[in-house]
Protein backbone atom coordinates (compact mmCIF):
# COMPACT_ATOMS: atom_id res chain seq x y z
CA MET A 1 -8.74 34.00 -18.52
CA LYS A 2 -5.89 36.08 -19.89
CA LYS A 3 -8.13 39.14 -20.20
CA LYS A 4 -9.20 38.88 -16.53
CA PHE A 5 -5.57 38.60 -15.46
CA VAL A 6 -4.52 41.65 -17.47
CA ILE A 7 -7.41 43.70 -16.05
CA ARG A 8 -6.47 42.65 -12.49
CA VAL A 9 -2.84 43.54 -13.02
CA LEU A 10 -3.84 46.83 -14.63
CA SER A 11 -5.98 47.78 -11.63
CA ILE A 12 -3.22 46.89 -9.14
CA ILE A 13 -0.65 48.87 -11.09
CA SER A 14 -3.03 51.83 -11.31
CA VAL A 15 -3.40 51.86 -7.53
CA THR A 16 0.39 51.71 -7.20
CA PHE A 17 0.68 54.67 -9.59
CA ILE A 18 -1.74 56.68 -7.46
CA ILE A 19 0.25 55.81 -4.32
CA GLY A 20 3.37 57.15 -6.03
CA LEU A 21 1.61 60.39 -6.92
CA VAL A 22 0.37 60.77 -3.35
CA LEU A 23 3.94 60.36 -2.10
CA ILE A 24 5.19 62.99 -4.53
CA PHE A 25 2.58 65.55 -3.56
CA SER A 26 2.68 64.89 0.19
CA ALA A 27 6.50 64.89 0.40
CA PRO A 28 6.75 68.54 1.58
CA SER A 29 4.37 68.01 4.49
CA ILE A 30 6.17 64.78 5.44
CA GLY A 31 9.46 66.69 5.43
CA ILE A 32 8.06 69.48 7.60
CA ASN A 33 6.70 66.91 10.06
CA ALA A 34 10.12 65.25 10.22
CA GLY A 35 11.73 68.61 10.97
CA ASP A 36 9.19 69.33 13.71
CA ARG A 37 9.80 65.91 15.26
CA ALA A 38 13.56 66.50 15.20
CA VAL A 39 13.17 69.81 17.02
CA ARG A 40 10.88 68.22 19.62
CA ASN A 41 13.31 65.34 20.13
CA ALA A 42 16.17 67.81 20.60
CA GLY A 43 14.34 69.48 23.47
CA GLY A 44 12.72 72.33 21.58
CA THR A 45 15.83 74.05 20.25
CA MET A 46 17.95 73.13 17.27
CA ASN A 47 20.25 74.79 14.79
CA THR A 48 18.22 76.21 11.90
CA SER A 49 20.53 74.75 9.25
CA GLN A 50 20.11 71.28 10.75
CA VAL A 51 16.33 71.56 10.71
CA GLU A 52 16.42 72.83 7.13
CA TRP A 53 18.68 69.95 6.12
CA ILE A 54 16.35 67.39 7.73
CA VAL A 55 13.30 68.90 6.01
CA ASP A 56 15.02 69.11 2.62
CA GLU A 57 16.49 65.61 2.69
CA THR A 58 13.30 63.97 3.94
CA THR A 59 11.28 65.78 1.29
CA ALA A 60 13.72 64.77 -1.43
CA SER A 61 13.72 61.13 -0.28
CA TYR A 62 9.94 60.81 -0.33
CA ARG A 63 9.69 62.69 -3.62
CA LEU A 64 12.27 60.37 -5.22
CA THR A 65 10.51 57.29 -3.86
CA GLY A 66 7.19 58.51 -5.25
CA LEU A 67 8.83 59.29 -8.59
CA VAL A 68 10.30 55.81 -8.92
CA ILE A 69 7.02 54.14 -7.96
CA SER A 70 5.07 56.31 -10.39
CA LEU A 71 7.49 55.77 -13.27
CA VAL A 72 7.64 52.01 -12.87
CA SER A 73 3.90 51.62 -12.45
CA GLY A 74 3.22 54.10 -15.26
CA PHE A 75 5.33 51.98 -17.58
CA GLY A 76 3.38 48.93 -16.38
CA ILE A 77 0.09 50.67 -17.10
CA ILE A 78 1.22 51.43 -20.64
CA THR A 79 2.44 47.89 -21.36
CA ASN A 80 -0.59 46.19 -19.79
CA GLY A 81 -2.95 48.61 -21.48
CA TYR A 82 -1.33 47.76 -24.79
CA ALA A 83 -1.64 44.02 -24.05
CA LEU A 84 -5.33 44.50 -23.25
CA TYR A 85 -5.80 46.53 -26.43
CA LYS A 86 -4.17 43.82 -28.56
CA GLU A 87 -6.40 41.15 -26.99
CA ILE A 88 -9.65 42.99 -27.68
């Protein structure tokens, strides 16, 4: 029973880790899309520094979110992997 639970948790945490990595690597395109949306919402013209700020901050936010998710789930993978190793 305990082994099944650890394997289930390990698989869920692994998926969460992959989601974090996807967020990290797709952050630049998400930031560019946010900048494009801001320009469209402003009527097609916008100050370049404002667009650059929106792109940079959105990219940084998604990259940080992905980093936190990956670090927490990576630590969970290590601890659950060790628990599974000790049980075998």
